[in-house]
């Protein structure tokens, strides 16, 4: 006699809120801080100045990421609440029209009109606003905006990412700073691309190449600027 098992399928879309903020924060922390350190080090200034610039970039960047994510995701959250408020008003004003509207959405997806109407009626009887939020507005528990979560995640992962090039700069002698920071940054970006792809179920090689190539470009540009201005000054 076979044993029945519960259906425990896990969907990666449930991670989209924190995963986007985490990858963005860590990537920005690595690239911006490593680029800043490389640019300053290329100008051949003292090790203390390089570390001070990097530390200032870490603090400013983490605060900027937190504020930016909070404002951005709060705007999305405000738009979601406004849409839900309008939907509640429409449901109170003309529930029959809203039932037909919901049934029309199901019919457009290939369900017969009779069954679509039955599904719409039953779902609205259970939770009308939830049914319209999910199927008409595309708002669900998994994808809804969470400003505080996004802000804290971005700030934390930015700080972790920014610490890596700073540690590399601290551990080596000044002549080796540019090489050490560049190497550690590119390695960190590759690892970030790998982890982000695994967490999100994406193609690993494509993700690694994407973050590494853009990071290498940023480092090359800032190193060139630092070298140019260091020579001039």
Protein backbone atom coordinates (compact mmCIF):
# COMPACT_ATOMS: atom_id res chain seq x y z
CA UNK A 1 0.00 0.00 0.00
CA UNK A 2 1.54 3.29 -1.13
CA UNK A 3 1.94 6.21 1.21
CA UNK A 4 0.56 9.61 0.24
CA UNK A 5 2.88 12.58 0.55
CA UNK A 6 2.09 16.23 1.01
CA UNK A 7 2.78 18.48 -1.94
CA UNK A 8 5.72 20.60 -0.76
CA UNK A 9 6.73 22.33 -3.96
CA UNK A 10 8.60 25.57 -3.28
CA UNK A 11 8.47 28.43 -5.73
CA UNK A 12 11.44 30.77 -6.05
CA UNK A 13 9.24 33.80 -6.76
CA UNK A 14 8.58 34.01 -3.02
CA UNK A 15 12.17 35.20 -2.63
CA UNK A 16 11.94 38.01 -5.13
CA UNK A 17 11.50 40.82 -2.59
CA UNK A 18 14.56 40.24 -0.43
CA UNK A 19 16.65 38.59 -3.15
CA UNK A 20 16.55 41.64 -5.44
CA UNK A 21 17.50 43.96 -2.58
CA UNK A 22 20.24 41.61 -1.36
CA UNK A 23 21.90 41.17 -4.74
CA UNK A 24 21.63 44.87 -5.53
CA UNK A 25 23.08 45.87 -2.16
CA UNK A 26 25.99 43.42 -2.23
CA UNK A 27 26.83 44.19 -5.86
CA UNK A 28 26.79 47.93 -5.23
CA UNK A 29 28.85 47.54 -2.06
CA UNK A 30 31.57 45.57 -3.83
CA UNK A 31 31.69 47.62 -7.02
CA UNK A 32 31.37 51.13 -5.58
CA UNK A 33 33.77 50.61 -2.67
CA UNK A 34 36.34 48.66 -4.68
CA UNK A 35 36.18 51.27 -7.44
CA UNK A 36 36.63 54.07 -4.91
CA UNK A 37 39.57 52.34 -3.24
CA UNK A 38 41.20 51.48 -6.57
CA UNK A 39 40.72 55.02 -7.88
CA UNK A 40 42.27 56.59 -4.78
CA UNK A 41 45.08 54.01 -4.58
CA UNK A 42 45.91 54.54 -8.25
CA UNK A 43 46.55 58.20 -7.44
CA UNK A 44 49.42 56.94 -5.22
CA UNK A 45 48.20 58.50 -1.97
CA UNK A 46 48.91 57.08 1.50
CA UNK A 47 47.38 53.84 2.74
CA UNK A 48 45.53 55.73 5.46
CA UNK A 49 43.89 57.98 2.90
CA UNK A 50 42.85 54.97 0.84
CA UNK A 51 41.27 53.25 3.85
CA UNK A 52 39.59 56.46 5.01
CA UNK A 53 38.05 57.00 1.58
CA UNK A 54 36.87 53.40 1.48
CA UNK A 55 35.35 53.56 4.98
CA UNK A 56 33.56 56.81 4.15
CA UNK A 57 32.24 55.22 0.96
CA UNK A 58 30.98 52.22 2.94
CA UNK A 59 29.04 54.31 5.45
CA UNK A 60 27.64 56.71 2.87
CA UNK A 61 26.76 53.91 0.47
CA UNK A 62 24.98 51.79 3.08
CA UNK A 63 22.87 54.74 4.21
CA UNK A 64 22.14 55.71 0.62
CA UNK A 65 21.10 52.17 -0.28
CA UNK A 66 18.80 51.92 2.74
CA UNK A 67 17.17 55.28 2.04
CA UNK A 68 16.88 54.66 -1.69
CA UNK A 69 15.34 51.22 -1.29
CA UNK A 70 12.92 52.43 1.37
CA UNK A 71 11.70 55.35 -0.73
CA UNK A 72 11.49 53.29 -3.91
CA UNK A 73 9.67 50.32 -2.39
CA UNK A 74 7.45 52.63 -0.32
CA UNK A 75 6.30 54.24 -3.56
CA UNK A 76 5.40 50.81 -4.88
CA UNK A 77 3.60 50.00 -1.62
CA UNK A 78 1.66 53.28 -1.79
CA UNK A 79 0.56 52.48 -5.34
CA UNK A 80 -0.58 49.00 -4.26
CA UNK A 81 -2.61 50.42 -1.37
CA UNK A 82 -4.20 53.01 -3.65
CA UNK A 83 -5.18 50.33 -6.16
CA UNK A 84 -6.66 48.16 -3.40
CA UNK A 85 -8.62 51.12 -2.02
CA UNK A 86 -10.12 51.81 -5.46
CA UNK A 87 -10.93 48.13 -5.84
CA UNK A 88 -12.74 48.04 -2.47
CA UNK A 89 -14.79 51.08 -3.47
CA UNK A 90 -15.74 49.46 -6.78
CA UNK A 91 -16.72 46.24 -5.00
CA UNK A 92 -19.01 48.14 -2.66
CA UNK A 93 -20.51 50.21 -5.47
CA UNK A 94 -21.19 47.44 -7.99
CA UNK A 95 -20.27 43.90 -6.90
CA UNK A 96 -22.05 42.33 -9.88
CA UNK A 97 -19.93 44.26 -12.34
CA UNK A 98 -16.81 43.23 -10.45
CA UNK A 99 -17.92 39.61 -10.60
CA UNK A 100 -18.32 39.87 -14.37
CA UNK A 101 -14.95 41.55 -14.63
CA UNK A 102 -13.25 38.75 -12.69
CA UNK A 103 -15.06 36.10 -14.71
CA UNK A 104 -13.91 37.84 -17.89
CA UNK A 105 -10.30 37.51 -16.76
CA UNK A 106 -10.73 33.77 -16.31
CA UNK A 107 -12.50 33.43 -19.64
CA UNK A 108 -9.60 35.21 -21.35
CA UNK A 109 -7.30 32.57 -19.90
CA UNK A 110 -9.26 29.78 -21.57
CA UNK A 111 -11.94 28.82 -19.02
CA UNK A 112 -15.48 28.44 -20.31
CA UNK A 113 -17.77 31.39 -19.47
CA UNK A 114 -20.01 29.26 -17.25
CA UNK A 115 -17.15 27.86 -15.20
CA UNK A 116 -15.40 31.24 -15.10
CA UNK A 117 -18.52 32.84 -13.64
CA UNK A 118 -18.84 30.07 -11.06
CA UNK A 119 -15.19 30.42 -10.03
CA UNK A 120 -15.52 34.21 -9.77
CA UNK A 121 -18.64 33.94 -7.59
CA UNK A 122 -17.06 31.39 -5.25
CA UNK A 123 -13.77 33.27 -4.89
CA UNK A 124 -15.53 36.56 -4.23
CA UNK A 125 -17.74 34.92 -1.65
CA UNK A 126 -14.63 33.78 0.19
CA UNK A 127 -12.47 36.93 -0.16
CA UNK A 128 -13.45 39.36 -2.90
CA UNK A 129 -10.63 41.86 -2.48
CA UNK A 130 -7.99 39.13 -2.36
CA UNK A 131 -9.34 37.58 -5.56
CA UNK A 132 -9.26 40.91 -7.41
CA UNK A 133 -5.88 41.86 -5.95
CA UNK A 134 -4.32 38.63 -7.18
CA UNK A 135 -6.01 38.13 -10.54
CA UNK A 136 -6.79 41.69 -11.64
CA UNK A 137 -4.00 43.74 -10.04
CA UNK A 138 -1.27 41.13 -9.77
CA UNK A 139 -0.75 41.73 -6.05
CA UNK A 140 -0.12 38.72 -3.82
CA UNK A 141 1.43 37.87 -0.46
CA UNK A 142 4.64 36.72 -2.14
CA UNK A 143 5.24 39.79 -4.30
CA UNK A 144 3.81 42.62 -2.22
CA UNK A 145 6.16 45.54 -1.49
CA UNK A 146 7.96 45.50 1.90
CA UNK A 147 9.93 48.77 2.29
CA UNK A 148 11.58 48.07 5.65
CA UNK A 149 12.71 44.59 4.58
CA UNK A 150 14.17 45.99 1.36
CA UNK A 151 15.96 48.84 3.16
CA UNK A 152 17.52 46.68 5.86
CA UNK A 153 18.51 43.95 3.41
CA UNK A 154 20.17 46.43 1.05
CA UNK A 155 22.06 48.23 3.82
CA UNK A 156 23.30 44.99 5.38
CA UNK A 157 24.40 43.36 2.14
CA UNK A 158 26.01 46.61 0.93
CA UNK A 159 28.06 46.73 4.13
CA UNK A 160 29.15 43.11 3.76
CA UNK A 161 30.07 43.64 0.12
CA UNK A 162 31.95 46.86 0.85
CA UNK A 163 33.98 45.24 3.64
CA UNK A 164 35.64 42.81 1.23
CA UNK A 165 37.72 45.33 -0.78
CA UNK A 166 38.49 47.27 2.41
CA UNK A 167 39.90 44.16 4.06
CA UNK A 168 42.00 43.45 0.97
CA UNK A 169 43.36 47.02 1.00
CA UNK A 170 44.15 46.79 4.71
CA UNK A 171 46.07 43.53 4.43
CA UNK A 172 48.49 44.42 1.63
CA UNK A 173 51.26 46.94 1.17
CA UNK A 174 50.35 50.11 -0.80
CA UNK A 175 52.06 49.04 -4.07
CA UNK A 176 49.83 45.95 -4.17
CA UNK A 177 46.54 47.69 -3.26
CA UNK A 178 45.15 48.08 -6.78
CA UNK A 179 45.89 44.46 -7.73
CA UNK A 180 44.66 43.01 -4.42
CA UNK A 181 41.43 45.00 -4.36
CA UNK A 182 40.69 44.33 -8.02
CA UNK A 183 41.27 40.60 -7.61
CA UNK A 184 39.18 40.35 -4.44
CA UNK A 185 36.37 42.43 -5.97
CA UNK A 186 36.15 40.32 -9.13
CA UNK A 187 36.26 37.10 -7.09
CA UNK A 188 33.54 38.44 -4.78
CA UNK A 189 31.38 39.47 -7.74
CA UNK A 190 31.75 36.03 -9.27
CA UNK A 191 30.67 34.43 -6.01
CA UNK A 192 27.75 36.86 -5.73
CA UNK A 193 26.63 36.00 -9.24
CA UNK A 194 26.81 32.31 -8.38
CA UNK A 195 24.85 32.66 -5.14
CA UNK A 196 22.26 34.96 -6.71
CA UNK A 197 21.71 32.56 -9.60
CA UNK A 198 21.37 29.58 -7.26
CA UNK A 199 18.92 31.40 -4.98
CA UNK A 200 16.82 32.62 -7.89
CA UNK A 201 17.05 29.50 -10.04
CA UNK A 202 18.75 31.39 -12.90
CA UNK A 203 21.57 30.43 -15.28
CA UNK A 204 24.79 30.47 -13.23
CA UNK A 205 27.27 31.26 -16.01
CA UNK A 206 25.19 34.11 -17.38
CA UNK A 207 24.77 35.63 -13.93
CA UNK A 208 28.47 35.36 -13.07
CA UNK A 209 29.60 36.89 -16.35
CA UNK A 210 27.09 39.73 -16.09
CA UNK A 211 28.14 40.96 -12.66
CA UNK A 212 31.86 40.32 -13.20
CA UNK A 213 32.14 42.13 -16.54
CA UNK A 214 30.32 45.23 -15.32
CA UNK A 215 32.41 45.25 -12.16
CA UNK A 216 35.64 44.96 -14.16
CA UNK A 217 34.56 47.88 -16.34
CA UNK A 218 33.84 50.08 -13.31
CA UNK A 219 37.19 49.21 -11.74
CA UNK A 220 39.09 49.91 -14.95
CA UNK A 221 37.46 53.31 -15.43
CA UNK A 222 38.07 54.50 -11.87
CA UNK A 223 41.64 53.19 -11.85
CA UNK A 224 42.29 55.13 -15.06
CA UNK A 225 40.82 58.32 -13.61
CA UNK A 226 42.80 57.91 -10.40
CA UNK A 227 46.01 57.36 -12.30
CA UNK A 228 45.36 60.34 -14.54
CA UNK A 229 44.57 62.79 -11.74
CA UNK A 230 47.32 61.38 -9.53
CA UNK A 231 49.84 62.04 -12.26
CA UNK A 232 48.52 65.56 -12.87
CA UNK A 233 48.47 66.47 -9.21
